[in-house]
Structure formats: structure tokens, C-alpha cells
Amino acid sequence: MALLVLSTDAALRARLAGALRGRVQAVWCCDTVEEARGALAQGGVRTLVVEARDGRGRNCDALVRETRERWPALPILGVWEPGVTGSADARALLEAGVHELIVRSMDVGG
């Protein structure tokens, strides 16, 4: 089972991989909504972690909605960083159905 991370932030990817070492078999990272859809379709994803916007700057709320519909038992964590993305992006993730919202602090260094 794998953790799927939709983020272009290398520090976030590394932090999640380190924190979950030994708890998941793999950490799959992708930059775009399309890549995430492909990885989800392959199966084996245990948890989805998604930032408010993908590597092309597009909102990820539609992906969250689709994932909730197709795999309702799959945990989805949203990541939002105040000052980087707007509060409307965080609200869109919550309304789309993320189970938890991770609020990244700008002064913590990742």
C-alpha cells in the first residue's frame, strides 16, 4: 500500500516519506491532477495527500470530489499554506471532502 502525494514541494514530500517510513510500502509523488488520477486508477493507494493547487496552478478540489466518490473509504489529507495559497483554496478542499486539513506554518521550514 502506498501514500500518494500531489505536491511539487520537495520538502513536504521528503517530510511525509520520512514520517511514514515503515508504515507504508511506498510514497508516490506527482505534480499534476492527471498524474494523481493515473496513480489512483492503478490501485494500491492507502492515503492521498493533496495540496490546494497542483504543479500547473490548478485547484485540486475536483480531484478530491472524484476520489471521494470512487473510493469513499480512502483517507484524503489536504495541505494548505497561508500566504502561499488563499483561504478560498483551503475552503474549496474542505468543501470537496478532505478528511483533515494540514495547515503548514511558514516559519517552521516545511
Protein backbone atom coordinates (compact mmCIF):
# COMPACT_ATOMS: atom_id res chain seq x y z
CA MET A 1 0.00 0.00 0.00
CA ALA A 2 1.23 3.45 -0.89
CA LEU A 3 0.89 7.05 0.14
CA LEU A 4 0.13 9.28 -2.85
CA VAL A 5 1.33 12.88 -2.53
CA LEU A 6 0.16 15.52 -5.01
CA SER A 7 2.66 18.28 -4.34
CA THR A 8 5.56 20.00 -6.06
CA ASP A 9 7.15 20.83 -2.70
CA ALA A 10 10.23 18.62 -2.30
CA ALA A 11 10.46 19.40 1.43
CA LEU A 12 6.87 18.27 2.02
CA ARG A 13 7.44 15.10 0.02
CA ALA A 14 10.58 14.27 2.00
CA ARG A 15 8.98 15.08 5.33
CA LEU A 16 5.99 12.81 4.65
CA ALA A 17 8.21 9.99 3.37
CA GLY A 18 10.35 10.20 6.50
CA ALA A 19 7.42 10.39 8.88
CA LEU A 20 5.72 7.36 7.36
CA ARG A 21 8.78 5.18 6.80
CA GLY A 22 7.88 1.65 7.81
CA ARG A 23 4.14 2.40 7.84
CA VAL A 24 3.57 2.41 4.09
CA GLN A 25 5.33 0.37 1.42
CA ALA A 26 5.93 3.33 -0.86
CA VAL A 27 5.46 7.06 -1.21
CA TRP A 28 4.36 8.01 -4.72
CA CYS A 29 4.70 11.67 -5.64
CA CYS A 30 3.13 13.52 -8.52
CA ASP A 31 2.92 17.09 -9.75
CA THR A 32 -0.43 17.26 -11.55
CA VAL A 33 -4.02 16.22 -11.11
CA GLU A 34 -3.72 13.98 -14.19
CA GLU A 35 -0.75 12.12 -12.71
CA ALA A 36 -2.65 11.65 -9.45
CA ARG A 37 -5.70 10.28 -11.30
CA GLY A 38 -3.48 7.79 -13.08
CA ALA A 39 -1.84 6.63 -9.85
CA LEU A 40 -5.22 6.26 -8.14
CA ALA A 41 -6.55 4.22 -11.06
CA GLN A 42 -3.61 1.79 -10.77
CA GLY A 43 -4.70 0.90 -7.25
CA GLY A 44 -2.70 0.34 -4.10
CA VAL A 45 -3.07 3.87 -2.71
CA ARG A 46 -3.65 3.84 1.04
CA THR A 47 -3.86 7.60 1.62
CA LEU A 48 -3.97 10.67 -0.62
CA VAL A 49 -2.24 13.89 0.43
CA VAL A 50 -3.09 16.84 -1.80
CA GLU A 51 -2.13 20.50 -1.85
CA ALA A 52 -4.73 23.09 -2.76
CA ARG A 53 -3.20 23.55 -6.24
CA ASP A 54 -1.24 21.25 -8.50
CA GLY A 55 2.04 21.99 -10.27
CA ARG A 56 0.21 23.82 -13.03
CA GLY A 57 -1.61 26.08 -10.57
CA ARG A 58 -4.99 24.39 -10.93
CA ASN A 59 -7.30 23.78 -7.98
CA CYS A 60 -7.33 20.19 -6.75
CA ASP A 61 -10.85 20.23 -5.28
CA ALA A 62 -12.34 18.34 -8.28
CA LEU A 63 -9.81 15.54 -7.74
CA VAL A 64 -10.83 15.34 -4.09
CA ARG A 65 -14.52 15.10 -5.03
CA GLU A 66 -13.86 12.42 -7.64
CA THR A 67 -11.72 10.43 -5.23
CA ARG A 68 -14.37 10.60 -2.50
CA GLU A 69 -16.97 9.30 -4.97
CA ARG A 70 -14.85 6.46 -6.39
CA TRP A 71 -13.05 5.43 -3.19
CA PRO A 72 -15.13 6.68 -0.24
CA ALA A 73 -13.01 4.82 2.34
CA LEU A 74 -9.71 6.34 1.16
CA PRO A 75 -8.39 8.93 3.63
CA ILE A 76 -7.64 12.28 1.98
CA LEU A 77 -5.49 14.91 3.67
CA GLY A 78 -5.39 18.44 2.33
CA VAL A 79 -2.34 20.68 2.71
CA TRP A 80 -2.69 24.44 2.84
CA GLU A 81 -0.06 27.08 3.48
CA PRO A 82 -1.37 30.52 4.44
CA GLY A 83 0.28 33.25 2.44
CA VAL A 84 1.09 30.86 -0.41
CA THR A 85 -2.44 29.90 -1.37
CA GLY A 86 -5.55 31.82 -0.41
CA SER A 87 -8.10 30.86 2.21
CA ALA A 88 -10.62 30.21 -0.56
CA ASP A 89 -8.37 27.33 -1.69
CA ALA A 90 -8.44 25.82 1.80
CA ARG A 91 -12.21 26.17 1.91
CA ALA A 92 -12.51 24.51 -1.51
CA LEU A 93 -10.53 21.49 -0.27
CA LEU A 94 -12.72 21.22 2.82
CA GLU A 95 -15.93 21.55 0.83
CA ALA A 96 -14.67 18.93 -1.63
CA GLY A 97 -14.32 16.46 1.21
CA VAL A 98 -10.80 16.22 2.63
CA HIS A 99 -10.85 14.38 5.93
CA GLU A 100 -8.21 16.58 7.54
CA LEU A 101 -6.53 19.84 6.62
CA ILE A 102 -2.83 20.23 7.41
CA VAL A 103 -2.02 23.91 7.84
CA ARG A 104 1.65 24.48 7.15
CA SER A 105 3.34 27.22 9.09
CA MET A 106 5.60 29.49 7.10
CA ASP A 107 8.11 29.77 9.95
CA VAL A 108 8.59 26.07 10.62
CA GLY A 109 10.60 25.44 7.47
CA GLY A 110 8.31 22.89 5.89
